[in-house]
Amino acid sequence: MNQIPLTAIGAERLKLELKELKSVKRPAVIEAIATAREHGDLKENAEYHAAREEQSFTEGRIAELEAALSNAQIIDITTLKQTGRAVFGCTVTLVEAETEAEVRYQIVGDIEADINENRIAISSPIARALIGKEEGDEVIVEAPAGTMEYIITAVEYK
């Protein structure tokens, strides 16, 4: 099986999530199923069906995390040679050429990506366009929303 790239911090986040799912969420779901069973007829018991659906989601996420962590290639960005080029794990500050809006993204593995936290997947169009570029470079991103143009203002290895 192929190795999944993860940042060291991302791997720790996933391990914490896995621990939370196994020690808190799973027992809570099992208890909810038991409570719902006590209410009688399971065919028409919405609580039971919701709890079973939650159990399915929880077990699926546990399996996904266990598989990802067991096949992970953990990359500690702080140990890499700092060349000034955008690489996996680094944080890149960009200025959009048209609006001059500034944004910062960390390039991470697919499973640890979270756009709300400005962590973008290595497989995303913007990350693919950034890899290998350095401060001052102009980057053109072909995204589903259209072509976007950025200028790299900083590359940080932290």
Protein backbone atom coordinates (compact mmCIF):
# COMPACT_ATOMS: atom_id res chain seq x y z
CA MET A 1 0.00 0.00 0.00
CA ASN A 2 1.21 3.52 -0.74
CA GLN A 3 2.50 5.64 2.07
CA ILE A 4 0.38 8.62 3.04
CA PRO A 5 2.34 11.82 3.70
CA LEU A 6 1.49 13.51 7.00
CA THR A 7 3.04 16.39 8.86
CA ALA A 8 4.29 15.54 12.36
CA ILE A 9 1.71 17.88 13.91
CA GLY A 10 -1.04 16.49 11.67
CA ALA A 11 -0.20 12.94 12.72
CA GLU A 12 -0.52 13.96 16.37
CA ARG A 13 -3.89 15.62 15.65
CA LEU A 14 -5.13 12.44 13.98
CA LYS A 15 -3.90 10.28 16.88
CA LEU A 16 -5.79 12.51 19.33
CA GLU A 17 -8.93 12.30 17.20
CA LEU A 18 -8.61 8.50 17.07
CA LYS A 19 -8.18 8.30 20.84
CA GLU A 20 -11.25 10.53 21.34
CA LEU A 21 -13.33 8.41 18.97
CA LYS A 22 -12.35 5.15 20.66
CA SER A 23 -12.53 6.25 24.29
CA VAL A 24 -15.39 8.77 24.28
CA LYS A 25 -17.48 8.70 21.10
CA ARG A 26 -17.71 4.92 20.61
CA PRO A 27 -18.91 4.20 24.20
CA ALA A 28 -21.41 7.06 23.97
CA VAL A 29 -22.86 5.69 20.74
CA ILE A 30 -23.08 2.17 22.20
CA GLU A 31 -24.95 3.58 25.20
CA ALA A 32 -27.30 5.53 22.91
CA ILE A 33 -28.11 2.35 20.99
CA ALA A 34 -28.81 0.47 24.22
CA THR A 35 -31.06 3.27 25.46
CA ALA A 36 -32.94 3.41 22.15
CA ARG A 37 -33.48 -0.38 22.21
CA GLU A 38 -35.24 -0.04 25.53
CA HIS A 39 -37.93 2.06 23.83
CA GLY A 40 -39.38 -0.94 22.04
CA ASP A 41 -40.08 -1.64 18.37
CA LEU A 42 -36.85 -1.06 16.46
CA LYS A 43 -38.54 -0.73 13.06
CA GLU A 44 -40.18 2.55 13.98
CA ASN A 45 -37.59 3.77 16.46
CA ALA A 46 -35.95 6.93 15.03
CA GLU A 47 -33.53 7.19 17.98
CA TYR A 48 -32.27 3.68 17.31
CA HIS A 49 -31.76 4.32 13.59
CA ALA A 50 -29.97 7.63 14.29
CA ALA A 51 -27.70 5.96 16.84
CA ARG A 52 -26.88 3.12 14.42
CA GLU A 53 -26.08 5.65 11.71
CA GLU A 54 -23.81 7.51 14.14
CA GLN A 55 -22.14 4.21 15.05
CA SER A 56 -21.51 3.49 11.37
CA PHE A 57 -19.97 6.92 10.86
CA THR A 58 -17.80 6.60 13.98
CA GLU A 59 -16.54 3.12 13.08
CA GLY A 60 -15.83 4.25 9.52
CA ARG A 61 -13.79 7.22 10.75
CA ILE A 62 -11.88 5.00 13.20
CA ALA A 63 -11.01 2.60 10.37
CA GLU A 64 -9.98 5.50 8.11
CA LEU A 65 -7.71 7.01 10.77
CA GLU A 66 -6.15 3.66 11.69
CA ALA A 67 -5.40 2.93 8.03
CA ALA A 68 -3.93 6.38 7.42
CA LEU A 69 -1.75 6.28 10.53
CA SER A 70 -0.50 2.76 9.84
CA ASN A 71 0.54 3.77 6.30
CA ALA A 72 1.80 7.25 7.20
CA GLN A 73 5.06 8.73 6.14
CA ILE A 74 5.48 11.36 8.83
CA ILE A 75 7.44 14.39 7.68
CA ASP A 76 8.77 16.83 10.27
CA ILE A 77 9.14 20.10 8.39
CA THR A 78 11.51 21.53 11.03
CA THR A 79 14.14 18.91 10.13
CA LEU A 80 14.14 19.69 6.40
CA LYS A 81 16.79 21.82 4.75
CA GLN A 82 15.30 25.29 4.41
CA THR A 83 15.83 26.15 0.76
CA GLY A 84 13.15 28.83 0.54
CA ARG A 85 11.11 26.69 -1.84
CA ALA A 86 7.55 25.63 -1.13
CA VAL A 87 7.53 21.98 -0.07
CA PHE A 88 5.19 19.60 1.74
CA GLY A 89 4.51 20.89 5.26
CA CYS A 90 5.61 24.47 4.78
CA THR A 91 3.39 27.52 5.22
CA VAL A 92 3.13 29.83 2.22
CA THR A 93 1.88 33.41 2.34
CA LEU A 94 0.28 34.57 -0.89
CA VAL A 95 -1.10 37.84 -2.20
CA GLU A 96 -3.82 37.58 -4.82
CA ALA A 97 -2.63 39.64 -7.78
CA GLU A 98 -6.00 41.17 -8.64
CA THR A 99 -7.45 42.02 -5.20
CA GLU A 100 -4.19 42.13 -3.21
CA ALA A 101 -5.87 39.99 -0.55
CA GLU A 102 -3.36 38.07 1.58
CA VAL A 103 -3.82 34.43 2.55
CA ARG A 104 -1.63 31.82 4.27
CA TYR A 105 -1.78 28.12 3.55
CA GLN A 106 0.04 25.16 5.00
CA ILE A 107 0.53 22.32 2.51
CA VAL A 108 -0.43 19.06 4.23
CA GLY A 109 -1.53 15.49 3.53
CA ASP A 110 -4.99 14.84 2.12
CA ILE A 111 -6.42 13.39 5.34
CA GLU A 112 -5.26 16.31 7.50
CA ALA A 113 -6.43 19.08 5.15
CA ASP A 114 -8.89 21.60 6.63
CA ILE A 115 -9.61 24.74 4.62
CA ASN A 116 -11.15 26.37 7.71
CA GLU A 117 -7.70 26.12 9.33
CA ASN A 118 -5.91 27.11 6.07
CA ARG A 119 -4.40 23.64 5.69
CA ILE A 120 -4.62 22.60 2.03
CA ALA A 121 -4.12 19.11 0.64
CA ILE A 122 -0.97 18.36 -1.31
CA SER A 123 -3.25 17.09 -4.10
CA SER A 124 -5.19 20.37 -4.40
CA PRO A 125 -4.66 22.56 -7.48
CA ILE A 126 -3.19 25.42 -5.46
CA ALA A 127 -0.73 23.20 -3.56
CA ARG A 128 0.41 21.54 -6.79
CA ALA A 129 1.00 24.99 -8.29
CA LEU A 130 2.99 26.14 -5.22
CA ILE A 131 5.35 23.16 -4.85
CA GLY A 132 8.87 24.12 -5.89
CA LYS A 133 8.16 27.85 -6.09
CA GLU A 134 9.85 30.43 -3.83
CA GLU A 135 9.31 33.88 -2.41
CA GLY A 136 8.66 36.47 -5.13
CA ASP A 137 7.45 33.90 -7.68
CA GLU A 138 4.18 34.40 -9.50
CA VAL A 139 1.84 31.41 -9.36
CA ILE A 140 -1.06 30.76 -11.69
CA VAL A 141 -3.60 28.31 -10.32
CA GLU A 142 -6.05 26.52 -12.59
CA ALA A 143 -8.90 25.76 -10.18
CA PRO A 144 -12.50 24.70 -10.73
CA ALA A 145 -13.56 28.27 -9.91
CA GLY A 146 -11.30 29.62 -12.68
CA THR A 147 -7.76 30.87 -13.09
CA MET A 148 -6.26 32.67 -10.10
CA GLU A 149 -2.97 34.51 -9.96
CA TYR A 150 -0.89 34.85 -6.77
CA ILE A 151 2.49 36.20 -5.73
CA ILE A 152 4.37 34.31 -3.02
CA THR A 153 5.44 36.73 -0.27
CA ALA A 154 6.81 34.22 2.26
CA VAL A 155 7.68 30.53 2.68
CA GLU A 156 8.00 29.33 6.28
CA TYR A 157 9.22 26.00 7.60
CA LYS A 158 7.52 25.65 10.99
